[in-house]
Amino acid sequence: MLMTPDDKRSEAKLHYGPNGFRVLRTGSHVFCAVSGEAIALDELRYWSVNRQEPYASPEIATERMKP
C-alpha cells in the first residue's frame, strides 16, 4: 500500500492479530491506548488482540493486562 504525504502525518487504523497487525487505513502512527503517546508503525511492538489497542511500552502493556 503506497503512502501519500498526508498519510505520513495521519493516524493509521490497524487490526491487531497474535503475530502482527493489518493496516486498515494508512498512516504513520497510532496512539498508545493508555498514555496517548504517538507510536510510529515501525516501532509498534506491543498491543492487545482482545482489546484491539496498542501500547507504547511493555510496562504499559503489562499494567493494562492486570485484572
C-alpha atoms as a PDB file:
ATOM      1  CA  MET A   1       0.000   0.000   0.000  1.00  0.00           C
ATOM      2  CA  LEU A   2       1.561   3.333  -1.023  1.00  0.00           C
ATOM      3  CA  MET A   3       1.502   6.245   1.407  1.00  0.00           C
ATOM      4  CA  THR A   4       0.755   9.786   0.373  1.00  0.00           C
ATOM      5  CA  PRO A   5       2.343  12.794   2.125  1.00  0.00           C
ATOM      6  CA  ASP A   6      -0.872  13.227   4.148  1.00  0.00           C
ATOM      7  CA  ASP A   7      -0.672   9.604   5.339  1.00  0.00           C
ATOM      8  CA  LYS A   8       2.750  10.275   6.850  1.00  0.00           C
ATOM      9  CA  ARG A   9       1.185  12.775   9.251  1.00  0.00           C
ATOM     10  CA  SER A  10      -2.004  10.873   9.992  1.00  0.00           C
ATOM     11  CA  GLU A  11      -3.091   8.180  12.394  1.00  0.00           C
ATOM     12  CA  ALA A  12      -3.256   4.662  10.981  1.00  0.00           C
ATOM     13  CA  LYS A  13      -6.108   2.294  11.735  1.00  0.00           C
ATOM     14  CA  LEU A  14      -4.961  -1.255  12.430  1.00  0.00           C
ATOM     15  CA  HIS A  15      -6.381  -4.685  13.135  1.00  0.00           C
ATOM     16  CA  TYR A  16      -4.181  -6.385  15.747  1.00  0.00           C
ATOM     17  CA  GLY A  17      -3.526 -10.097  15.417  1.00  0.00           C
ATOM     18  CA  PRO A  18      -1.495 -12.519  17.536  1.00  0.00           C
ATOM     19  CA  ASN A  19       1.604 -12.281  15.327  1.00  0.00           C
ATOM     20  CA  GLY A  20       1.273  -8.865  13.720  1.00  0.00           C
ATOM     21  CA  PHE A  21      -1.163  -6.251  12.582  1.00  0.00           C
ATOM     22  CA  ARG A  22      -3.009  -5.446   9.362  1.00  0.00           C
ATOM     23  CA  VAL A  23      -3.301  -1.871   8.124  1.00  0.00           C
ATOM     24  CA  LEU A  24      -6.943  -0.905   7.585  1.00  0.00           C
ATOM     25  CA  ARG A  25      -6.200   2.799   6.965  1.00  0.00           C
ATOM     26  CA  THR A  26      -2.736   4.041   6.066  1.00  0.00           C
ATOM     27  CA  GLY A  27      -0.921   6.415   8.345  1.00  0.00           C
ATOM     28  CA  SER A  28       2.406   6.887  10.051  1.00  0.00           C
ATOM     29  CA  HIS A  29       1.468   6.178  13.643  1.00  0.00           C
ATOM     30  CA  VAL A  30      -1.071   5.050  16.233  1.00  0.00           C
ATOM     31  CA  PHE A  31      -1.645   6.369  19.738  1.00  0.00           C
ATOM     32  CA  CYS A  32      -0.997   4.346  22.882  1.00  0.00           C
ATOM     33  CA  ALA A  33      -4.351   3.393  24.434  1.00  0.00           C
ATOM     34  CA  VAL A  34      -3.077   4.259  27.929  1.00  0.00           C
ATOM     35  CA  SER A  35      -0.574   7.126  27.641  1.00  0.00           C
ATOM     36  CA  GLY A  36      -1.759   8.744  24.404  1.00  0.00           C
ATOM     37  CA  GLU A  37       1.829   8.755  23.120  1.00  0.00           C
ATOM     38  CA  ALA A  38       2.234   8.569  19.336  1.00  0.00           C
ATOM     39  CA  ILE A  39       3.873   5.312  18.232  1.00  0.00           C
ATOM     40  CA  ALA A  40       5.399   5.084  14.750  1.00  0.00           C
ATOM     41  CA  LEU A  41       4.218   1.917  12.994  1.00  0.00           C
ATOM     42  CA  ASP A  42       7.780   0.680  12.517  1.00  0.00           C
ATOM     43  CA  GLU A  43       8.291   0.964  16.309  1.00  0.00           C
ATOM     44  CA  LEU A  44       4.994  -0.657  17.351  1.00  0.00           C
ATOM     45  CA  ARG A  45       5.746  -3.862  19.290  1.00  0.00           C
ATOM     46  CA  TYR A  46       3.024  -4.145  21.953  1.00  0.00           C
ATOM     47  CA  TRP A  47      -0.744  -4.498  21.551  1.00  0.00           C
ATOM     48  CA  SER A  48      -3.746  -6.439  22.762  1.00  0.00           C
ATOM     49  CA  VAL A  49      -5.536  -8.703  20.307  1.00  0.00           C
ATOM     50  CA  ASN A  50      -8.588  -8.947  22.582  1.00  0.00           C
ATOM     51  CA  ARG A  51      -8.853  -5.216  23.274  1.00  0.00           C
ATOM     52  CA  GLN A  52      -7.591  -4.185  19.820  1.00  0.00           C
ATOM     53  CA  GLU A  53      -5.395  -1.428  21.251  1.00  0.00           C
ATOM     54  CA  PRO A  54      -1.688  -0.520  21.028  1.00  0.00           C
ATOM     55  CA  TYR A  55       0.749   0.239  23.863  1.00  0.00           C
ATOM     56  CA  ALA A  56       3.899   2.347  23.913  1.00  0.00           C
ATOM     57  CA  SER A  57       5.947   0.027  26.149  1.00  0.00           C
ATOM     58  CA  PRO A  58       5.969  -3.460  27.670  1.00  0.00           C
ATOM     59  CA  GLU A  59       5.424  -1.919  31.107  1.00  0.00           C
ATOM     60  CA  ILE A  60       2.267  -0.152  29.954  1.00  0.00           C
ATOM     61  CA  ALA A  61       1.004  -3.327  28.265  1.00  0.00           C
ATOM     62  CA  THR A  62       1.633  -5.362  31.419  1.00  0.00           C
ATOM     63  CA  GLU A  63      -0.182  -2.845  33.633  1.00  0.00           C
ATOM     64  CA  ARG A  64      -3.139  -2.726  31.234  1.00  0.00           C
ATOM     65  CA  MET A  65      -3.481  -6.526  31.257  1.00  0.00           C
ATOM     66  CA  LYS A  66      -3.756  -6.760  35.048  1.00  0.00           C
ATOM     67  CA  PRO A  67      -7.243  -7.693  36.299  1.00  0.00           C
END
